[in-house]
Structure formats: structure tokens, C-alpha cells
Amino acid sequence: MKPDWWGSFIDLKSSQSIEIKRQKLVMYFSSYIGGLILLLFSLQHFENENSLLFSILLTSAAVVLSNVVLSHFHRYFKVSLYITGAGVSGLILGLVITGGHENTALYWLFPFPLVYFILFGYRQGLIVNLALFAVVLQLLYQPQWLLAEYRTDEKSRFIASYLVTVFLAFVAEYFRFRSHKELSSINLHRQKQANMDPLTKLPNRRFLDSVYFNKTKNADSGRFPMTVIVADLDFFKKVNDNYGHDIGDKVLIHVADLFKTHVRELDVVARVGGEEFLILLPHTQLVDALNVAEKIRACIAAHPYQCIEEKECRIEMTVSIGVAEATTIEQLNEAILCADEHLYAAKRNGRNCVIHQTY
């Protein structure tokens, strides 16, 4: 199984939802508080001569506040983030062009790099910050585009301080992202340990009960028909008695590897007991599953385990198999029980054979 196989089944949404919740809370808090502050500032300029600054502040406040209110009523949170970012960008450019209140616009720009990193993450945040900085830099050195006047030393100090702010905000967001990714990796590793048989590295019964069957219930009917194969090694107790449990474990690993060579990436091979295995084949009808089961039976019989420790140690194995089909999720548990019954019928029938469901 590929390393990312587990990621398609094991739920990592808890850590992802926490990250989205963090973004939402930051956006809500900063939008409501920031929007109200912008609204208050705009009202201060309502009756003075700087009508352009009033319009910029009022428009920015309206965009930010209306966007955050509407974000509670739709599912497109990313769109709300981009609208907030666009509103902030418009505010920054407006402040730089007009100079703000008493030509203090440049001092109000320093919190915004952190806002972009929080909204968009370290990659997109860095791109937006640098792009916006390039535009601001162009404005500062093209006086004909500005209504405000900035001293040369004021511009140079702003540029140096702003770049330092962007750099520090980038470092903080980057390592926060790395920490979050590492925690998600630890979470995946722990869930894999809990849902994986430590010997064969196959999924275990807990994985089937707590993960796979739940996902199958929540998924659409696209996984059906699903065929169940229950396989049990014949006379495995004799292997442990004659060669010891260490060799027995290696035989189980050998057999598990043979199972995996005959299934697709979307199929599940699980170890559910000592020498018992359960194979789930989605999108597979009974007739096709019988071909798979027969190939597995023949492969195990044709590939005995060769002991590395003892050159003459050659352990031949056979397997008894029961097969049943489920056409709906409601029939899945019944199909597993039915396949298990057919497995025991195969044992009674002389072993090393496949017994399947009949209609």
C-alpha cells in the first residue's frame, strides 16, 4: 500500500477544521473591530475638506463589515478572505495616495503585512505583501500620482521598517505553518498505529469498524456492489508448533504480501484475526471477485515461505476462502457473515478451495 493510502481513509479533518476555525475567528475579530474603527475615522472626516479620505475610509469600512456579515450566511469562506484582502489593499493604496490624516498614512500600514499572512498563509501572504509593497514603492517615487507629500528620509525609513515587518511576519507564519503540519503528521502517524496491524502492516479490525465502514455509510452508493472475501490459512497452528512463533510471524507477513499483489489501490486487505484476513473489493461483482479469490488461493499454494535462517526450511501454505457480495450498505454486514460461513464450508470441504455465495 502506498504511504498516502491511509490519508484517503483516516480522518484529518479535525486539525484542518481547527485551522479554518482559527482563520474565521481572526477574520471575524479583525473585520468587526477594524471595520468599526474605519467607520469612526470616516465620520471624523465627514465635515472637513478631505472628502476623498472620507470616501476611502467609509468605502473600506462598508466592504469589510458587509463582507464579514455575509460570510455568516454562505459556505464560501475563501471568497470572504479574498474580499477582505481586496478591501485592505484598497485601503492601503488610498491612504498612501491621500496621505491620511495629517500625512500620517505610512504609520498605519505596519499592521497589514501580518493581516495578509493570517488571511492567506505564508505563501500567498508573501506574494500579496511583496506585490502590494512594489505598488506602494512605485507610488512613493512617482509624486505626480500622489496627493500627499512625503519627505525622502521618511520614505526610506518607512521602506526599511516595512520590509522588516514583512520579514518578521513571514517567519512567524512560516514556522506556525510548519508546526501545524508536523502536528498533523503526528496525528496521522498515531491514527495509523491505532488502525494498523503491527506485524503485517495491514489495516486491522479497528480500522474496519471505526473508519472504513463509517466512511462507506457516509459515502454514496458508488462503492457498491462490493464483494467480501474472507480467507484463513490452513493448518497454521502446525507452523507455530513445528517452527515456532517467530517463523509463524514471518509466514503471516509473507502471505500478507501475496494478498496485496492481487488487489487494487482502492481495495482493502485487513488482518482480522490470528491467521484470518478480510478483503473488501468495491465496485466488484461476485463473478469478478471469484477470479480474484481463485488467483489468491493459487498464488499462496504456489509460493511457499522459504526460511532464510534454514536453507532447507520450506513451508508450503494453503488458504480456504469464502466469498459473498453486497449490493447496498445495508447488506454489507450480512455479506461478511455469509462469507465467513462459506469460509468454514471451505474448511469442511477439504480446505484449499473457494466457496461462494449462491442465489
Protein backbone atom coordinates (compact mmCIF):
# COMPACT_ATOMS: atom_id res chain seq x y z
CA MET A 1 0.00 0.00 0.00
CA LYS A 2 1.23 3.48 -0.86
CA PRO A 3 2.00 5.85 2.04
CA ASP A 4 -0.86 8.17 1.04
CA TRP A 5 -3.35 5.28 1.09
CA TRP A 6 -4.01 5.86 4.77
CA GLY A 7 -4.54 9.58 4.25
CA SER A 8 -7.52 8.84 1.99
CA PHE A 9 -9.27 6.97 4.81
CA ILE A 10 -8.03 8.31 8.12
CA ASP A 11 -9.80 11.50 9.11
CA LEU A 12 -7.53 14.53 9.41
CA LYS A 13 -10.40 17.00 9.25
CA SER A 14 -10.11 17.75 12.95
CA SER A 15 -6.79 19.54 12.51
CA GLN A 16 -7.94 21.14 9.27
CA SER A 17 -11.18 22.37 10.83
CA ILE A 18 -9.22 23.86 13.73
CA GLU A 19 -7.09 25.82 11.25
CA ILE A 20 -10.16 27.06 9.37
CA LYS A 21 -11.79 27.98 12.66
CA ARG A 22 -8.68 29.97 13.59
CA GLN A 23 -8.83 31.84 10.29
CA LYS A 24 -12.52 32.56 10.76
CA LEU A 25 -12.11 33.86 14.29
CA VAL A 26 -9.22 36.11 13.25
CA MET A 27 -11.16 37.42 10.26
CA TYR A 28 -14.31 37.99 12.31
CA PHE A 29 -12.49 39.78 15.10
CA SER A 30 -10.27 41.92 12.88
CA SER A 31 -13.09 42.71 10.44
CA TYR A 32 -15.61 43.79 13.07
CA ILE A 33 -13.14 45.76 15.17
CA GLY A 34 -11.22 47.14 12.18
CA GLY A 35 -14.41 47.96 10.29
CA LEU A 36 -15.83 49.90 13.24
CA ILE A 37 -12.56 51.80 13.69
CA LEU A 38 -12.57 52.72 9.99
CA LEU A 39 -16.18 53.83 10.30
CA LEU A 40 -15.34 56.07 13.26
CA PHE A 41 -12.37 57.57 11.42
CA SER A 42 -14.52 58.22 8.37
CA LEU A 43 -17.10 60.06 10.49
CA GLN A 44 -14.34 62.30 11.84
CA HIS A 45 -13.66 63.46 8.28
CA PHE A 46 -17.32 63.84 7.33
CA GLU A 47 -17.44 67.61 7.69
CA ASN A 48 -13.84 68.55 6.85
CA GLU A 49 -12.42 69.33 3.45
CA ASN A 50 -10.82 65.91 2.87
CA SER A 51 -13.81 64.28 1.21
CA LEU A 52 -11.63 61.78 -0.66
CA LEU A 53 -10.20 60.37 2.58
CA PHE A 54 -13.73 60.23 3.99
CA SER A 55 -14.90 58.26 0.94
CA ILE A 56 -11.95 55.85 1.12
CA LEU A 57 -12.44 55.15 4.83
CA LEU A 58 -16.21 54.80 4.53
CA THR A 59 -15.98 52.51 1.48
CA SER A 60 -13.36 50.32 3.17
CA ALA A 61 -15.48 50.08 6.32
CA ALA A 62 -18.56 49.18 4.26
CA VAL A 63 -16.71 46.49 2.29
CA VAL A 64 -15.12 44.92 5.37
CA LEU A 65 -18.25 44.98 7.55
CA SER A 66 -20.70 43.83 4.87
CA ASN A 67 -18.33 41.05 3.81
CA VAL A 68 -17.89 39.69 7.34
CA VAL A 69 -21.64 39.82 8.00
CA LEU A 70 -22.44 37.99 4.75
CA SER A 71 -19.75 35.38 5.48
CA HIS A 72 -22.00 34.00 8.24
CA PHE A 73 -24.66 33.10 5.67
CA HIS A 74 -22.72 31.27 2.96
CA ARG A 75 -20.17 28.46 2.74
CA TYR A 76 -17.58 30.22 0.58
CA PHE A 77 -15.24 31.31 3.33
CA LYS A 78 -12.25 31.58 0.98
CA VAL A 79 -14.16 34.13 -1.09
CA SER A 80 -14.72 36.19 2.06
CA LEU A 81 -10.98 36.07 2.76
CA TYR A 82 -10.16 37.37 -0.71
CA ILE A 83 -12.75 40.14 -0.46
CA THR A 84 -11.28 41.18 2.89
CA GLY A 85 -7.81 41.18 1.37
CA ALA A 86 -9.01 43.29 -1.57
CA GLY A 87 -10.65 45.76 0.81
CA VAL A 88 -7.46 46.07 2.86
CA SER A 89 -5.39 46.57 -0.31
CA GLY A 90 -7.70 49.34 -1.48
CA LEU A 91 -7.46 50.99 1.91
CA ILE A 92 -3.64 50.85 1.88
CA LEU A 93 -3.37 52.40 -1.58
CA GLY A 94 -5.94 55.05 -0.71
CA LEU A 95 -4.06 56.02 2.44
CA VAL A 96 -0.74 56.24 0.60
CA ILE A 97 -2.21 58.40 -2.17
CA THR A 98 -4.08 60.81 0.13
CA GLY A 99 -1.58 60.78 2.98
CA GLY A 100 -4.29 60.04 5.51
CA HIS A 101 -4.94 62.28 8.47
CA GLU A 102 -2.22 64.93 8.77
CA ASN A 103 0.01 62.96 6.41
CA THR A 104 0.39 60.01 8.83
CA ALA A 105 -0.69 57.30 6.35
CA LEU A 106 2.62 55.43 6.30
CA TYR A 107 2.48 54.80 10.06
CA TRP A 108 -0.86 53.00 9.70
CA LEU A 109 0.43 50.46 7.20
CA PHE A 110 2.60 48.37 9.52
CA PRO A 111 -0.14 46.05 10.91
CA PHE A 112 -1.30 45.00 7.45
CA PRO A 113 1.52 42.57 6.49
CA LEU A 114 0.52 40.39 9.42
CA VAL A 115 -3.12 40.58 8.32
CA TYR A 116 -2.23 39.22 4.87
CA PHE A 117 -0.23 36.33 6.31
CA ILE A 118 -3.09 35.42 8.66
CA LEU A 119 -5.66 35.56 5.86
CA PHE A 120 -3.71 33.78 3.12
CA GLY A 121 -0.92 31.79 4.78
CA TYR A 122 2.79 32.24 4.35
CA ARG A 123 2.99 31.57 0.57
CA GLN A 124 0.13 33.65 -0.75
CA GLY A 125 0.63 36.16 2.05
CA LEU A 126 4.22 36.77 0.99
CA ILE A 127 3.21 37.16 -2.67
CA VAL A 128 0.45 39.65 -1.82
CA ASN A 129 2.68 41.58 0.56
CA LEU A 130 5.53 41.89 -1.94
CA ALA A 131 3.17 42.79 -4.79
CA LEU A 132 1.49 45.47 -2.71
CA PHE A 133 4.84 46.75 -1.48
CA ALA A 134 6.00 47.10 -5.09
CA VAL A 135 2.92 49.18 -5.91
CA VAL A 136 3.39 51.37 -2.82
CA LEU A 137 7.07 51.80 -3.69
CA GLN A 138 6.11 52.88 -7.18
CA LEU A 139 3.64 55.41 -5.79
CA LEU A 140 6.12 56.85 -3.31
CA TYR A 141 8.64 57.61 -6.04
CA GLN A 142 6.12 58.92 -8.55
CA PRO A 143 4.99 62.15 -6.84
CA GLN A 144 2.66 63.05 -9.71
CA TRP A 145 0.42 60.12 -8.68
CA LEU A 146 0.13 61.29 -5.06
CA LEU A 147 -1.96 63.92 -3.35
CA ALA A 148 0.33 63.75 -0.31
CA GLU A 149 3.94 64.77 0.05
CA TYR A 150 6.47 62.55 1.83
CA ARG A 151 9.99 63.54 2.78
CA THR A 152 12.87 61.49 1.36
CA ASP A 153 14.08 60.35 4.79
CA GLU A 154 10.50 59.49 5.75
CA LYS A 155 10.11 57.27 2.69
CA SER A 156 13.43 55.48 3.19
CA ARG A 157 12.71 54.77 6.86
CA PHE A 158 9.25 53.52 6.00
CA ILE A 159 10.61 51.18 3.31
CA ALA A 160 13.22 49.66 5.64
CA SER A 161 10.78 49.30 8.55
CA TYR A 162 8.04 47.86 6.36
CA LEU A 163 10.34 45.23 4.87
CA VAL A 164 11.47 44.21 8.36
CA THR A 165 7.80 43.91 9.38
CA VAL A 166 7.04 41.74 6.34
CA PHE A 167 10.06 39.54 7.03
CA LEU A 168 9.21 39.01 10.72
CA ALA A 169 5.56 38.32 9.93
CA PHE A 170 6.62 35.83 7.24
CA VAL A 171 8.96 34.00 9.64
CA ALA A 172 6.24 33.79 12.31
CA GLU A 173 3.61 32.48 9.87
CA TYR A 174 6.01 30.07 8.16
CA PHE A 175 7.03 28.33 11.38
CA ARG A 176 3.44 28.34 12.61
CA PHE A 177 2.53 26.51 9.39
CA ARG A 178 5.41 24.07 9.85
CA SER A 179 4.30 23.35 13.42
CA HIS A 180 0.73 22.78 12.28
CA LYS A 181 1.91 20.42 9.51
CA GLU A 182 4.09 18.50 11.94
CA LEU A 183 1.19 18.11 14.38
CA SER A 184 -1.00 16.82 11.53
CA SER A 185 1.72 14.33 10.61
CA ILE A 186 1.95 13.15 14.22
CA ASN A 187 -1.84 12.81 14.29
CA LEU A 188 -1.80 10.72 11.10
CA HIS A 189 1.02 8.53 12.45
CA ARG A 190 -0.85 7.87 15.69
CA GLN A 191 -4.07 7.05 13.87
CA LYS A 192 -2.16 4.70 11.58
CA GLN A 193 -0.67 2.94 14.59
CA ALA A 194 -4.11 2.52 16.13
CA ASN A 195 -5.65 1.21 12.91
CA MET A 196 -2.80 -0.95 11.59
CA ASP A 197 -1.74 -4.48 12.44
CA PRO A 198 1.84 -4.05 13.73
CA LEU A 199 3.03 -7.35 12.24
CA THR A 200 1.75 -7.33 8.66
CA LYS A 201 1.23 -3.54 8.37
CA LEU A 202 -2.26 -4.24 7.10
CA PRO A 203 -5.37 -2.46 8.40
CA ASN A 204 -6.84 -4.15 11.46
CA ARG A 205 -10.37 -4.81 12.68
CA ARG A 206 -10.48 -1.46 14.46
CA PHE A 207 -9.84 0.28 11.14
CA LEU A 208 -12.75 -1.55 9.56
CA ASP A 209 -15.17 -0.85 12.40
CA SER A 210 -14.25 2.74 13.25
CA VAL A 211 -13.04 4.10 9.92
CA TYR A 212 -13.85 2.16 6.76
CA PHE A 213 -17.42 1.09 7.48
CA ASN A 214 -18.31 4.57 8.73
CA LYS A 215 -16.90 6.15 5.58
CA THR A 216 -18.76 3.62 3.48
CA LYS A 217 -22.02 4.52 5.23
CA ASN A 218 -21.43 8.22 4.66
CA ALA A 219 -20.35 7.76 1.04
CA ASP A 220 -22.73 7.48 -1.85
CA SER A 221 -23.68 4.15 -3.39
CA GLY A 222 -20.74 4.33 -5.80
CA ARG A 223 -18.77 1.72 -3.84
CA PHE A 224 -21.39 -0.93 -4.49
CA PRO A 225 -21.65 -3.66 -5.48
CA MET A 226 -18.93 -4.62 -3.01
CA THR A 227 -17.64 -8.16 -2.65
CA VAL A 228 -16.29 -9.59 0.58
CA ILE A 229 -13.53 -12.21 0.67
CA VAL A 230 -12.73 -13.93 3.96
CA ALA A 231 -9.56 -16.03 3.89
CA ASP A 232 -7.98 -18.24 6.55
CA LEU A 233 -4.65 -20.07 6.39
CA ASP A 234 -4.97 -23.84 6.63
CA PHE A 235 -3.25 -25.70 9.47
CA PHE A 236 -1.39 -22.58 10.55
CA LYS A 237 -1.19 -23.86 14.13
CA LYS A 238 1.17 -26.59 12.90
CA VAL A 239 3.54 -23.91 11.61
CA ASN A 240 3.79 -22.35 15.05
CA ASP A 241 4.11 -25.76 16.71
CA ASN A 242 6.79 -27.06 14.32
CA TYR A 243 8.80 -23.92 13.60
CA GLY A 244 8.00 -21.51 16.41
CA HIS A 245 6.06 -18.27 16.56
CA ASP A 246 8.89 -16.23 15.06
CA ILE A 247 8.73 -18.22 11.82
CA GLY A 248 4.93 -18.17 12.05
CA ASP A 249 5.01 -14.37 12.12
CA LYS A 250 7.22 -14.31 9.03
CA VAL A 251 4.82 -16.64 7.24
CA LEU A 252 1.97 -14.23 8.01
CA ILE A 253 3.97 -11.32 6.60
CA HIS A 254 4.77 -13.39 3.50
CA VAL A 255 1.10 -14.26 2.97
CA ALA A 256 0.00 -10.64 3.56
CA ASP A 257 2.39 -9.51 0.82
CA LEU A 258 0.92 -12.09 -1.54
CA PHE A 259 -2.59 -10.82 -0.79
CA LYS A 260 -1.59 -7.26 -1.65
CA THR A 261 -0.23 -8.24 -5.05
CA HIS A 262 -3.71 -9.27 -6.21
CA VAL A 263 -5.78 -6.25 -5.17
CA ARG A 264 -6.23 -2.72 -6.49
CA GLU A 265 -5.35 0.51 -4.71
CA LEU A 266 -8.99 1.09 -3.77
CA ASP A 267 -9.39 -2.41 -2.26
CA VAL A 268 -8.82 -3.15 1.41
CA VAL A 269 -6.89 -6.13 2.78
CA ALA A 270 -7.17 -6.37 6.56
CA ARG A 271 -5.94 -8.83 9.14
CA VAL A 272 -8.92 -9.50 11.40
CA GLY A 273 -7.65 -12.47 13.40
CA GLY A 274 -4.62 -14.64 14.02
CA GLU A 275 -4.44 -16.12 10.52
CA GLU A 276 -7.71 -14.72 9.16
CA PHE A 277 -7.87 -11.95 6.55
CA LEU A 278 -10.75 -9.89 5.20
CA ILE A 279 -10.63 -8.39 1.70
CA LEU A 280 -13.15 -5.78 0.54
CA LEU A 281 -13.49 -5.17 -3.19
CA PRO A 282 -15.58 -2.07 -4.04
CA HIS A 283 -17.18 -1.78 -7.49
CA THR A 284 -16.80 -5.54 -7.89
CA GLN A 285 -19.44 -8.11 -8.72
CA LEU A 286 -19.33 -11.65 -7.40
CA VAL A 287 -18.12 -13.22 -10.64
CA ASP A 288 -15.10 -10.90 -10.79
CA ALA A 289 -14.32 -11.39 -7.11
CA LEU A 290 -14.29 -15.16 -7.60
CA ASN A 291 -11.50 -14.73 -10.14
CA VAL A 292 -9.54 -12.65 -7.62
CA ALA A 293 -10.14 -15.20 -4.85
CA GLU A 294 -9.03 -18.09 -7.04
CA LYS A 295 -5.87 -16.22 -8.06
CA ILE A 296 -5.09 -15.57 -4.40
CA ARG A 297 -5.65 -19.22 -3.49
CA ALA A 298 -3.45 -20.45 -6.34
CA CYS A 299 -0.73 -17.86 -5.62
CA ILE A 300 -0.42 -18.81 -1.95
CA ALA A 301 -0.29 -22.51 -2.82
CA ALA A 302 2.40 -21.84 -5.44
CA HIS A 303 4.59 -19.59 -3.27
CA PRO A 304 5.70 -21.39 -0.11
CA TYR A 305 7.64 -19.50 2.51
CA GLN A 306 11.39 -20.09 2.27
CA CYS A 307 13.18 -19.72 5.60
CA ILE A 308 16.26 -17.54 5.35
CA GLU A 309 17.63 -18.94 8.59
CA GLU A 310 17.46 -22.55 7.39
CA LYS A 311 18.05 -23.27 3.70
CA GLU A 312 16.02 -26.47 3.81
CA CYS A 313 13.09 -24.84 5.58
CA ARG A 314 10.30 -24.61 3.02
CA ILE A 315 6.81 -24.07 4.41
CA GLU A 316 4.00 -24.73 1.98
CA MET A 317 0.75 -22.98 2.76
CA THR A 318 -2.81 -23.18 1.50
CA VAL A 319 -5.79 -20.99 2.21
CA SER A 320 -9.54 -21.53 2.48
CA ILE A 321 -11.72 -18.73 1.15
CA GLY A 322 -15.35 -17.66 1.45
CA VAL A 323 -16.87 -15.05 -0.88
CA ALA A 324 -20.12 -13.05 -0.77
CA GLU A 325 -21.49 -9.92 -2.44
CA ALA A 326 -23.28 -6.87 -1.03
CA THR A 327 -25.20 -4.58 -3.37
CA THR A 328 -26.03 -1.97 -0.70
CA ILE A 329 -24.53 -0.76 2.56
CA GLU A 330 -27.38 -2.45 4.43
CA GLN A 331 -26.24 -5.82 3.07
CA LEU A 332 -22.56 -5.38 3.90
CA ASN A 333 -22.61 -6.86 7.40
CA GLU A 334 -24.74 -9.75 6.19
CA ALA A 335 -22.28 -10.35 3.34
CA ILE A 336 -19.38 -10.52 5.80
CA LEU A 337 -21.23 -13.08 7.91
CA CYS A 338 -22.14 -15.01 4.77
CA ALA A 339 -18.53 -15.03 3.53
CA ASP A 340 -17.43 -16.24 6.96
CA GLU A 341 -19.90 -19.12 6.77
CA HIS A 342 -18.59 -20.02 3.32
CA LEU A 343 -15.06 -19.98 4.73
CA TYR A 344 -15.99 -22.66 7.25
CA ALA A 345 -17.74 -24.57 4.48
CA ALA A 346 -14.44 -24.48 2.57
CA LYS A 347 -12.69 -25.87 5.65
CA ARG A 348 -15.21 -28.70 5.84
CA ASN A 349 -14.85 -29.28 2.11
CA GLY A 350 -11.19 -30.24 2.43
CA ARG A 351 -9.56 -26.78 2.60
CA ASN A 352 -7.54 -25.05 -0.14
CA CYS A 353 -10.68 -24.06 -2.04
CA VAL A 354 -13.08 -21.17 -2.65
CA ILE A 355 -16.74 -21.38 -1.63
CA HIS A 356 -19.02 -18.57 -2.73
CA GLN A 357 -22.48 -17.17 -2.29
CA THR A 358 -25.24 -18.75 -4.37
CA TYR A 359 -28.57 -17.20 -5.28
